[in-house]
Structures are given as structure tokens and as C-alpha cells.
Amino acid sequence: MVVYIMNRMELKNKTFILTGAARIGQNIAEKLNVQGANLIITYFKNPEEAGPFGVGVQADVSKKEDVMKLVEAAKNKFGQINGVIHMAAIYERSPWEVLDENHWEKNMNVIAKSAYLLGKIAGDEIKKNQEDIKGKIIFFSDWSVLTRPYKDYLPYNAAKSTIIGLTKSFAKELAPHVLVNAIAPGPILRPPGLTDQENEEVLAGTLLKRWGGPEEITKGVMYLLESDFITGSVLTIDGGRTIV
């Protein structure tokens, strides 16, 4: 029997790739910045989306060449990569009456394929690190696909379900030195344009009767980054919505 005794991974001076940082991601970026981590933050078109807490890099993370460019940028700037926090996604209705393969391909590419590319390409680089805990990868799924997938969002549901499978598969492939987990958020930020009636419906279906706020996701990310004995898990942060 092989017994691994790991030295704890510290965040200071470690380099993380953060995707999809326009909203909740900025709270995560600020916290990591305070902790002394180095950040490469992606943006799709507008450089301002990257925010002030890291180095912005333009990338379409559903494309292999862009992910490779992103990884090279992190290596060139900071020397190595210690982790990925992959939040980039889309959330568009695709009702049955108009559902077609374009909806499927768009969701699977932006959500699932990007996670695969980042896990594989960044994972190969993280494995080269010399530390016992070489790095950590955090993907983002959705509370709904665990129990009650949204109606009119079939491709989105399928892609977010794939994230859970990828999380567990990458955790096995990269063990024992790279830890891979996912977060499944519930009602965190009230979306723009949500009516008061829709808002009441969300709160009624959440045990804690309120929106969580971005800091709750940041706490979850920090928990997974600071814990060295969790891999292949899905952390649900949903105010109890899953069990209502």
C-alpha cells in the first residue's frame, strides 16, 4: 500500500486561471488577490471584463488554440500554473419549439468543451509542478441539474450535467497530486430583468428565502482551494433550494 503524505498548498504566489469573471468572479478575484495569488483572468471581447485584480487575456475557451494561448500566457508571466477556476458559461432559453442542434453545440462548446480543454491542457501543465499538492481545478455546474433541471433549457442542462461527469473523471485522472472539484450554485445574484413575481417564486423555492450573494460562492472557492483532502466532489451552494 502506498501512503501519500502531502504538504499543504499555500495560495500566496500561486498562479490561477480564472474564466468568466465579469460578475461573481470579481469577488473571487479580489479575495485571491488579497491572498497574494497571481491571476490570469479571461475576457471574451471587452478587456474591462477582466477587472483590476489580475492580468487580462482575451480568449474563447471553447477553442483549443485559445486555451493553449491562455496557458502559455500564464506560464510566461508567472512561471507556472497552480490552478483553474472555470466559471465561463452561457444561460439562454431554448424552448422545445425552436430547439435545434445549434443550441446544443453552442451550450456544449461554451460550457462542457471548454471545461474539458482547460482540464486537459492546464492539467498537463499543473502536473509538472514540484509541490506535493501540484494544483487545484474548480469547475462550475448548477444546482438544478442535480435534482430538477430547468424547463426550456435542455442543452444548458445537458452541458452543466457534463461538468459533473468531467469533475469526477478529471479527479481520477489527475489524482493524487491535482485536486478537482465543482461548485453547483443556486440563487446567488438576482438576474437583471427578473420581475418581482419571478423573484418571489425563486425565494419561495429556497429554504433560506433570500439570494446568497457573490461572497458565498467566494467562500466555497476558498474552501476548496484551502482544503487538501477533497477531490471529485460537487459543493452545492444553494440556500437549500435543491431539497425544497
C-alpha atoms as a PDB file:
ATOM      1  CA  MET A   1       0.000   0.000   0.000  1.00  0.00           C
ATOM      2  CA  VAL A   2       1.303   3.456  -0.950  1.00  0.00           C
ATOM      3  CA  VAL A   3       0.764   6.187   1.655  1.00  0.00           C
ATOM      4  CA  TYR A   4       0.949   9.786   0.444  1.00  0.00           C
ATOM      5  CA  ILE A   5       1.841  12.468   2.989  1.00  0.00           C
ATOM      6  CA  MET A   6       1.123  15.826   1.407  1.00  0.00           C
ATOM      7  CA  ASN A   7       2.443  19.272   2.278  1.00  0.00           C
ATOM      8  CA  ARG A   8      -0.353  21.853   2.315  1.00  0.00           C
ATOM      9  CA  MET A   9      -0.796  24.055  -0.757  1.00  0.00           C
ATOM     10  CA  GLU A  10      -0.430  27.763   0.057  1.00  0.00           C
ATOM     11  CA  LEU A  11      -2.146  30.376  -2.115  1.00  0.00           C
ATOM     12  CA  LYS A  12       0.446  33.140  -1.896  1.00  0.00           C
ATOM     13  CA  ASN A  13       2.414  33.498  -5.144  1.00  0.00           C
ATOM     14  CA  LYS A  14       0.435  30.677  -6.756  1.00  0.00           C
ATOM     15  CA  THR A  15      -0.949  31.270 -10.240  1.00  0.00           C
ATOM     16  CA  PHE A  16      -4.588  30.667 -11.153  1.00  0.00           C
ATOM     17  CA  ILE A  17      -6.519  30.983 -14.393  1.00  0.00           C
ATOM     18  CA  LEU A  18      -9.979  32.454 -13.781  1.00  0.00           C
ATOM     19  CA  THR A  19     -12.596  32.433 -16.534  1.00  0.00           C
ATOM     20  CA  GLY A  20     -15.955  34.189 -16.587  1.00  0.00           C
ATOM     21  CA  ALA A  21     -15.066  36.841 -14.020  1.00  0.00           C
ATOM     22  CA  ALA A  22     -17.476  39.575 -15.065  1.00  0.00           C
ATOM     23  CA  ARG A  23     -19.893  39.288 -12.101  1.00  0.00           C
ATOM     24  CA  ILE A  24     -19.391  36.830  -9.239  1.00  0.00           C
ATOM     25  CA  GLY A  25     -15.882  36.164 -10.488  1.00  0.00           C
ATOM     26  CA  GLN A  26     -14.724  39.636  -9.493  1.00  0.00           C
ATOM     27  CA  ASN A  27     -15.459  38.835  -5.855  1.00  0.00           C
ATOM     28  CA  ILE A  28     -13.349  35.677  -6.177  1.00  0.00           C
ATOM     29  CA  ALA A  29     -10.584  37.578  -7.961  1.00  0.00           C
ATOM     30  CA  GLU A  30     -10.440  40.233  -5.250  1.00  0.00           C
ATOM     31  CA  LYS A  31     -10.192  37.613  -2.500  1.00  0.00           C
ATOM     32  CA  LEU A  32      -7.418  35.712  -4.258  1.00  0.00           C
ATOM     33  CA  ASN A  33      -5.592  38.970  -4.918  1.00  0.00           C
ATOM     34  CA  VAL A  34      -5.697  39.790  -1.203  1.00  0.00           C
ATOM     35  CA  GLN A  35      -4.306  36.317  -0.503  1.00  0.00           C
ATOM     36  CA  GLY A  36      -1.322  37.112  -2.728  1.00  0.00           C
ATOM     37  CA  ALA A  37      -2.208  34.830  -5.623  1.00  0.00           C
ATOM     38  CA  ASN A  38      -1.325  35.627  -9.237  1.00  0.00           C
ATOM     39  CA  LEU A  39      -4.310  35.745 -11.577  1.00  0.00           C
ATOM     40  CA  ILE A  40      -4.746  35.344 -15.301  1.00  0.00           C
ATOM     41  CA  ILE A  41      -8.342  36.435 -15.992  1.00  0.00           C
ATOM     42  CA  THR A  42     -10.011  35.796 -19.321  1.00  0.00           C
ATOM     43  CA  TYR A  43     -12.314  38.088 -21.230  1.00  0.00           C
ATOM     44  CA  PHE A  44     -14.188  37.384 -24.436  1.00  0.00           C
ATOM     45  CA  LYS A  45     -14.317  40.800 -26.138  1.00  0.00           C
ATOM     46  CA  ASN A  46     -14.182  43.649 -23.618  1.00  0.00           C
ATOM     47  CA  PRO A  47     -10.887  43.882 -21.639  1.00  0.00           C
ATOM     48  CA  GLU A  48     -12.751  45.605 -18.809  1.00  0.00           C
ATOM     49  CA  GLU A  49     -14.484  42.296 -18.077  1.00  0.00           C
ATOM     50  CA  ALA A  50     -11.204  41.001 -16.636  1.00  0.00           C
ATOM     51  CA  GLY A  51     -11.297  43.599 -13.858  1.00  0.00           C
ATOM     52  CA  PRO A  52      -8.431  45.110 -11.854  1.00  0.00           C
ATOM     53  CA  PHE A  53      -7.237  42.111  -9.849  1.00  0.00           C
ATOM     54  CA  GLY A  54      -5.201  40.198 -12.412  1.00  0.00           C
ATOM     55  CA  VAL A  55      -3.750  40.095 -15.902  1.00  0.00           C
ATOM     56  CA  GLY A  56      -6.454  40.079 -18.571  1.00  0.00           C
ATOM     57  CA  VAL A  57      -6.092  37.720 -21.537  1.00  0.00           C
ATOM     58  CA  GLN A  58      -8.552  37.576 -24.429  1.00  0.00           C
ATOM     59  CA  ALA A  59      -9.695  34.008 -25.049  1.00  0.00           C
ATOM     60  CA  ASP A  60     -12.555  31.923 -26.381  1.00  0.00           C
ATOM     61  CA  VAL A  61     -12.078  28.975 -24.044  1.00  0.00           C
ATOM     62  CA  SER A  62     -14.157  26.706 -26.272  1.00  0.00           C
ATOM     63  CA  LYS A  63     -11.250  26.766 -28.758  1.00  0.00           C
ATOM     64  CA  LYS A  64      -8.151  24.650 -28.201  1.00  0.00           C
ATOM     65  CA  GLU A  65      -5.771  27.236 -29.629  1.00  0.00           C
ATOM     66  CA  ASP A  66      -7.103  29.926 -27.295  1.00  0.00           C
ATOM     67  CA  VAL A  67      -6.786  27.693 -24.237  1.00  0.00           C
ATOM     68  CA  MET A  68      -3.217  26.847 -25.234  1.00  0.00           C
ATOM     69  CA  LYS A  69      -2.515  30.577 -25.639  1.00  0.00           C
ATOM     70  CA  LEU A  70      -4.026  31.226 -22.232  1.00  0.00           C
ATOM     71  CA  VAL A  71      -1.866  28.595 -20.559  1.00  0.00           C
ATOM     72  CA  GLU A  72       1.251  29.928 -22.276  1.00  0.00           C
ATOM     73  CA  ALA A  73       0.413  33.458 -21.146  1.00  0.00           C
ATOM     74  CA  ALA A  74       0.182  32.276 -17.543  1.00  0.00           C
ATOM     75  CA  LYS A  75       3.495  30.403 -17.794  1.00  0.00           C
ATOM     76  CA  ASN A  76       5.284  33.299 -19.458  1.00  0.00           C
ATOM     77  CA  LYS A  77       4.027  35.833 -16.947  1.00  0.00           C
ATOM     78  CA  PHE A  78       4.324  33.864 -13.707  1.00  0.00           C
ATOM     79  CA  GLY A  79       6.420  30.781 -14.470  1.00  0.00           C
ATOM     80  CA  GLN A  80       3.866  28.069 -13.739  1.00  0.00           C
ATOM     81  CA  ILE A  81       0.164  27.304 -13.282  1.00  0.00           C
ATOM     82  CA  ASN A  82      -1.243  26.101  -9.979  1.00  0.00           C
ATOM     83  CA  GLY A  83      -4.943  26.035 -10.677  1.00  0.00           C
ATOM     84  CA  VAL A  84      -8.009  26.828 -12.750  1.00  0.00           C
ATOM     85  CA  ILE A  85     -11.331  28.316 -11.655  1.00  0.00           C
ATOM     86  CA  HIS A  86     -13.593  27.890 -14.649  1.00  0.00           C
ATOM     87  CA  MET A  87     -16.816  29.916 -14.416  1.00  0.00           C
ATOM     88  CA  ALA A  88     -17.389  30.953 -18.042  1.00  0.00           C
ATOM     89  CA  ALA A  89     -20.804  29.861 -19.333  1.00  0.00           C
ATOM     90  CA  ILE A  90     -23.935  30.923 -21.165  1.00  0.00           C
ATOM     91  CA  TYR A  91     -27.541  30.756 -19.973  1.00  0.00           C
ATOM     92  CA  GLU A  92     -30.047  31.032 -22.802  1.00  0.00           C
ATOM     93  CA  ARG A  93     -33.562  29.671 -23.160  1.00  0.00           C
ATOM     94  CA  SER A  94     -34.090  27.117 -25.885  1.00  0.00           C
ATOM     95  CA  PRO A  95     -37.803  26.153 -25.819  1.00  0.00           C
ATOM     96  CA  TRP A  96     -38.763  22.855 -27.417  1.00  0.00           C
ATOM     97  CA  GLU A  97     -40.496  24.583 -30.354  1.00  0.00           C
ATOM     98  CA  VAL A  98     -37.248  26.205 -31.531  1.00  0.00           C
ATOM     99  CA  LEU A  99     -34.730  23.712 -30.131  1.00  0.00           C
ATOM    100  CA  ASP A 100     -32.144  22.605 -32.683  1.00  0.00           C
ATOM    101  CA  GLU A 101     -28.578  21.353 -32.922  1.00  0.00           C
ATOM    102  CA  ASN A 102     -27.191  24.900 -32.891  1.00  0.00           C
ATOM    103  CA  HIS A 103     -28.466  25.345 -29.345  1.00  0.00           C
ATOM    104  CA  TRP A 104     -26.868  22.032 -28.433  1.00  0.00           C
ATOM    105  CA  GLU A 105     -23.495  22.804 -29.983  1.00  0.00           C
ATOM    106  CA  LYS A 106     -23.306  26.300 -28.509  1.00  0.00           C
ATOM    107  CA  ASN A 107     -24.004  25.147 -24.958  1.00  0.00           C
ATOM    108  CA  MET A 108     -21.800  22.075 -25.141  1.00  0.00           C
ATOM    109  CA  ASN A 109     -18.916  24.077 -26.610  1.00  0.00           C
ATOM    110  CA  VAL A 110     -19.063  27.056 -24.249  1.00  0.00           C
ATOM    111  CA  ILE A 111     -19.749  25.054 -21.089  1.00  0.00           C
ATOM    112  CA  ALA A 112     -18.581  21.455 -21.482  1.00  0.00           C
ATOM    113  CA  LYS A 113     -15.903  21.509 -24.181  1.00  0.00           C
ATOM    114  CA  SER A 114     -14.188  24.479 -22.541  1.00  0.00           C
ATOM    115  CA  ALA A 115     -14.042  22.586 -19.244  1.00  0.00           C
ATOM    116  CA  TYR A 116     -12.523  19.580 -20.984  1.00  0.00           C
ATOM    117  CA  LEU A 117      -9.910  21.718 -22.750  1.00  0.00           C
ATOM    118  CA  LEU A 118      -8.943  23.617 -19.611  1.00  0.00           C
ATOM    119  CA  GLY A 119      -8.833  20.444 -17.535  1.00  0.00           C
ATOM    120  CA  LYS A 120      -6.617  18.618 -20.015  1.00  0.00           C
ATOM    121  CA  ILE A 121      -4.313  21.381 -21.218  1.00  0.00           C
ATOM    122  CA  ALA A 122      -3.912  23.203 -17.906  1.00  0.00           C
ATOM    123  CA  GLY A 123      -3.923  19.862 -16.087  1.00  0.00           C
ATOM    124  CA  ASP A 124      -0.885  18.705 -18.063  1.00  0.00           C
ATOM    125  CA  GLU A 125       0.971  21.861 -17.007  1.00  0.00           C
ATOM    126  CA  ILE A 126      -0.089  21.638 -13.376  1.00  0.00           C
ATOM    127  CA  LYS A 127       1.219  18.059 -13.214  1.00  0.00           C
ATOM    128  CA  LYS A 128       4.723  19.391 -13.934  1.00  0.00           C
ATOM    129  CA  ASN A 129       4.870  21.334 -10.661  1.00  0.00           C
ATOM    130  CA  GLN A 130       7.217  20.089  -7.964  1.00  0.00           C
ATOM    131  CA  GLU A 131       4.976  20.513  -4.903  1.00  0.00           C
ATOM    132  CA  ASP A 132       3.129  17.610  -3.262  1.00  0.00           C
ATOM    133  CA  ILE A 133      -0.197  19.314  -3.967  1.00  0.00           C
ATOM    134  CA  LYS A 134       0.599  20.391  -7.500  1.00  0.00           C
ATOM    135  CA  GLY A 135      -2.621  22.297  -8.066  1.00  0.00           C
ATOM    136  CA  LYS A 136      -6.397  22.502  -7.972  1.00  0.00           C
ATOM    137  CA  ILE A 137      -9.153  22.817 -10.545  1.00  0.00           C
ATOM    138  CA  ILE A 138     -12.666  24.077  -9.801  1.00  0.00           C
ATOM    139  CA  PHE A 139     -15.477  23.797 -12.336  1.00  0.00           C
ATOM    140  CA  PHE A 140     -18.992  25.251 -12.083  1.00  0.00           C
ATOM    141  CA  SER A 141     -22.167  23.237 -12.589  1.00  0.00           C
ATOM    142  CA  ASP A 142     -25.706  24.234 -11.482  1.00  0.00           C
ATOM    143  CA  TRP A 143     -27.896  23.135  -8.573  1.00  0.00           C
ATOM    144  CA  SER A 144     -30.766  22.376 -10.935  1.00  0.00           C
ATOM    145  CA  VAL A 145     -29.116  19.502 -12.787  1.00  0.00           C
ATOM    146  CA  LEU A 146     -28.671  17.619  -9.511  1.00  0.00           C
ATOM    147  CA  THR A 147     -32.411  17.224  -8.970  1.00  0.00           C
ATOM    148  CA  ARG A 148     -34.718  19.410 -11.091  1.00  0.00           C
ATOM    149  CA  PRO A 149     -33.384  20.532 -14.486  1.00  0.00           C
ATOM    150  CA  TYR A 150     -34.862  23.744 -15.815  1.00  0.00           C
ATOM    151  CA  LYS A 151     -37.628  23.506 -18.418  1.00  0.00           C
ATOM    152  CA  ASP A 152     -36.774  25.122 -21.769  1.00  0.00           C
ATOM    153  CA  TYR A 153     -33.016  24.798 -21.100  1.00  0.00           C
ATOM    154  CA  LEU A 154     -32.298  21.271 -22.352  1.00  0.00           C
ATOM    155  CA  PRO A 155     -28.837  21.929 -23.905  1.00  0.00           C
ATOM    156  CA  TYR A 156     -27.790  24.018 -20.898  1.00  0.00           C
ATOM    157  CA  ASN A 157     -28.921  21.267 -18.534  1.00  0.00           C
ATOM    158  CA  ALA A 158     -27.017  18.649 -20.505  1.00  0.00           C
ATOM    159  CA  ALA A 159     -23.839  20.733 -20.587  1.00  0.00           C
ATOM    160  CA  LYS A 160     -23.951  21.500 -16.858  1.00  0.00           C
ATOM    161  CA  SER A 161     -24.571  17.801 -16.147  1.00  0.00           C
ATOM    162  CA  THR A 162     -21.474  17.023 -18.201  1.00  0.00           C
ATOM    163  CA  ILE A 163     -19.469  19.271 -15.873  1.00  0.00           C
ATOM    164  CA  ILE A 164     -20.212  16.888 -13.009  1.00  0.00           C
ATOM    165  CA  GLY A 165     -19.000  13.902 -15.026  1.00  0.00           C
ATOM    166  CA  LEU A 166     -15.873  15.772 -16.090  1.00  0.00           C
ATOM    167  CA  THR A 167     -15.155  16.777 -12.500  1.00  0.00           C
ATOM    168  CA  LYS A 168     -15.204  13.193 -11.277  1.00  0.00           C
ATOM    169  CA  SER A 169     -13.268  11.905 -14.295  1.00  0.00           C
ATOM    170  CA  PHE A 170     -10.543  14.554 -14.086  1.00  0.00           C
ATOM    171  CA  ALA A 171     -10.278  13.915 -10.338  1.00  0.00           C
ATOM    172  CA  LYS A 172      -9.446  10.270 -11.067  1.00  0.00           C
ATOM    173  CA  GLU A 173      -7.084  11.003 -13.935  1.00  0.00           C
ATOM    174  CA  LEU A 174      -5.120  13.679 -12.055  1.00  0.00           C
ATOM    175  CA  ALA A 175      -5.015  12.051  -8.603  1.00  0.00           C
ATOM    176  CA  PRO A 176      -3.276  12.120  -6.216  1.00  0.00           C
ATOM    177  CA  HIS A 177      -1.434  15.394  -6.797  1.00  0.00           C
ATOM    178  CA  VAL A 178      -4.077  17.548  -8.549  1.00  0.00           C
ATOM    179  CA  LEU A 179      -7.449  18.020  -6.850  1.00  0.00           C
ATOM    180  CA  VAL A 180     -10.545  18.588  -8.992  1.00  0.00           C
ATOM    181  CA  ASN A 181     -13.955  19.680  -7.687  1.00  0.00           C
ATOM    182  CA  ALA A 182     -17.064  21.539  -8.796  1.00  0.00           C
ATOM    183  CA  ILE A 183     -19.445  24.072  -7.304  1.00  0.00           C
ATOM    184  CA  ALA A 184     -23.183  23.908  -8.028  1.00  0.00           C
ATOM    185  CA  PRO A 185     -24.605  27.376  -7.260  1.00  0.00           C
ATOM    186  CA  GLY A 186     -28.251  28.099  -6.553  1.00  0.00           C
ATOM    187  CA  PRO A 187     -29.844  31.571  -6.316  1.00  0.00           C
ATOM    188  CA  ILE A 188     -26.801  33.796  -5.801  1.00  0.00           C
ATOM    189  CA  LEU A 189     -27.492  37.066  -7.652  1.00  0.00           C
ATOM    190  CA  ARG A 190     -30.864  38.315  -8.820  1.00  0.00           C
ATOM    191  CA  PRO A 191     -30.617  38.417 -12.622  1.00  0.00           C
ATOM    192  CA  PRO A 192     -31.241  41.723 -14.399  1.00  0.00           C
ATOM    193  CA  GLY A 193     -34.772  41.882 -15.731  1.00  0.00           C
ATOM    194  CA  LEU A 194     -36.230  39.400 -13.236  1.00  0.00           C
ATOM    195  CA  THR A 195     -39.767  40.509 -12.389  1.00  0.00           C
ATOM    196  CA  ASP A 196     -40.940  40.851  -8.797  1.00  0.00           C
ATOM    197  CA  GLN A 197     -43.252  37.870  -9.296  1.00  0.00           C
ATOM    198  CA  GLU A 198     -40.413  35.729 -10.625  1.00  0.00           C
ATOM    199  CA  ASN A 199     -38.237  36.869  -7.754  1.00  0.00           C
ATOM    200  CA  GLU A 200     -40.897  35.793  -5.245  1.00  0.00           C
ATOM    201  CA  GLU A 201     -41.113  32.393  -6.938  1.00  0.00           C
ATOM    202  CA  VAL A 202     -37.354  31.915  -6.584  1.00  0.00           C
ATOM    203  CA  LEU A 203     -37.373  32.893  -2.919  1.00  0.00           C
ATOM    204  CA  ALA A 204     -40.388  30.679  -2.223  1.00  0.00           C
ATOM    205  CA  GLY A 205     -38.452  27.731  -3.626  1.00  0.00           C
ATOM    206  CA  THR A 206     -35.374  28.400  -1.481  1.00  0.00           C
ATOM    207  CA  LEU A 207     -35.272  27.308   2.146  1.00  0.00           C
ATOM    208  CA  LEU A 208     -33.384  30.407   3.295  1.00  0.00           C
ATOM    209  CA  LYS A 209     -35.760  32.751   1.381  1.00  0.00           C
ATOM    210  CA  ARG A 210     -33.044  35.035   0.034  1.00  0.00           C
ATOM    211  CA  TRP A 211     -30.361  35.397  -2.601  1.00  0.00           C
ATOM    212  CA  GLY A 212     -26.966  34.219  -1.402  1.00  0.00           C
ATOM    213  CA  GLY A 213     -24.713  36.968  -2.749  1.00  0.00           C
ATOM    214  CA  PRO A 214     -21.370  36.508  -4.532  1.00  0.00           C
ATOM    215  CA  GLU A 215     -19.389  36.237  -1.293  1.00  0.00           C
ATOM    216  CA  GLU A 216     -20.997  32.842  -0.624  1.00  0.00           C
ATOM    217  CA  ILE A 217     -19.514  31.473  -3.841  1.00  0.00           C
ATOM    218  CA  THR A 218     -16.169  33.031  -2.948  1.00  0.00           C
ATOM    219  CA  LYS A 219     -16.266  31.245   0.404  1.00  0.00           C
ATOM    220  CA  GLY A 220     -16.889  27.971  -1.418  1.00  0.00           C
ATOM    221  CA  VAL A 221     -13.999  28.542  -3.813  1.00  0.00           C
ATOM    222  CA  MET A 222     -11.647  29.413  -0.970  1.00  0.00           C
ATOM    223  CA  TYR A 223     -12.766  26.346   0.973  1.00  0.00           C
ATOM    224  CA  LEU A 224     -11.892  24.076  -1.950  1.00  0.00           C
ATOM    225  CA  LEU A 225      -8.581  25.853  -2.572  1.00  0.00           C
ATOM    226  CA  GLU A 226      -7.565  25.693   1.081  1.00  0.00           C
ATOM    227  CA  SER A 227      -8.690  22.093   1.689  1.00  0.00           C
ATOM    228  CA  ASP A 228      -6.278  19.357   0.661  1.00  0.00           C
ATOM    229  CA  PHE A 229      -8.433  16.249   1.131  1.00  0.00           C
ATOM    230  CA  ILE A 230     -11.383  16.940  -1.178  1.00  0.00           C
ATOM    231  CA  THR A 231     -11.452  15.808  -4.804  1.00  0.00           C
ATOM    232  CA  GLY A 232     -14.150  14.599  -7.169  1.00  0.00           C
ATOM    233  CA  SER A 233     -16.836  16.382  -5.147  1.00  0.00           C
ATOM    234  CA  VAL A 234     -19.659  18.769  -6.017  1.00  0.00           C
ATOM    235  CA  LEU A 235     -20.179  21.532  -3.449  1.00  0.00           C
ATOM    236  CA  THR A 236     -23.777  22.746  -3.567  1.00  0.00           C
ATOM    237  CA  ILE A 237     -24.265  26.381  -2.513  1.00  0.00           C
ATOM    238  CA  ASP A 238     -27.969  26.963  -2.983  1.00  0.00           C
ATOM    239  CA  GLY A 239     -29.657  28.076   0.245  1.00  0.00           C
ATOM    240  CA  GLY A 240     -31.422  24.723   0.417  1.00  0.00           C
ATOM    241  CA  ARG A 241     -33.090  25.049  -2.991  1.00  0.00           C
ATOM    242  CA  THR A 242     -32.104  21.513  -4.008  1.00  0.00           C
ATOM    243  CA  ILE A 243     -34.237  19.903  -1.300  1.00  0.00           C
ATOM    244  CA  VAL A 244     -37.344  22.100  -1.428  1.00  0.00           C
END
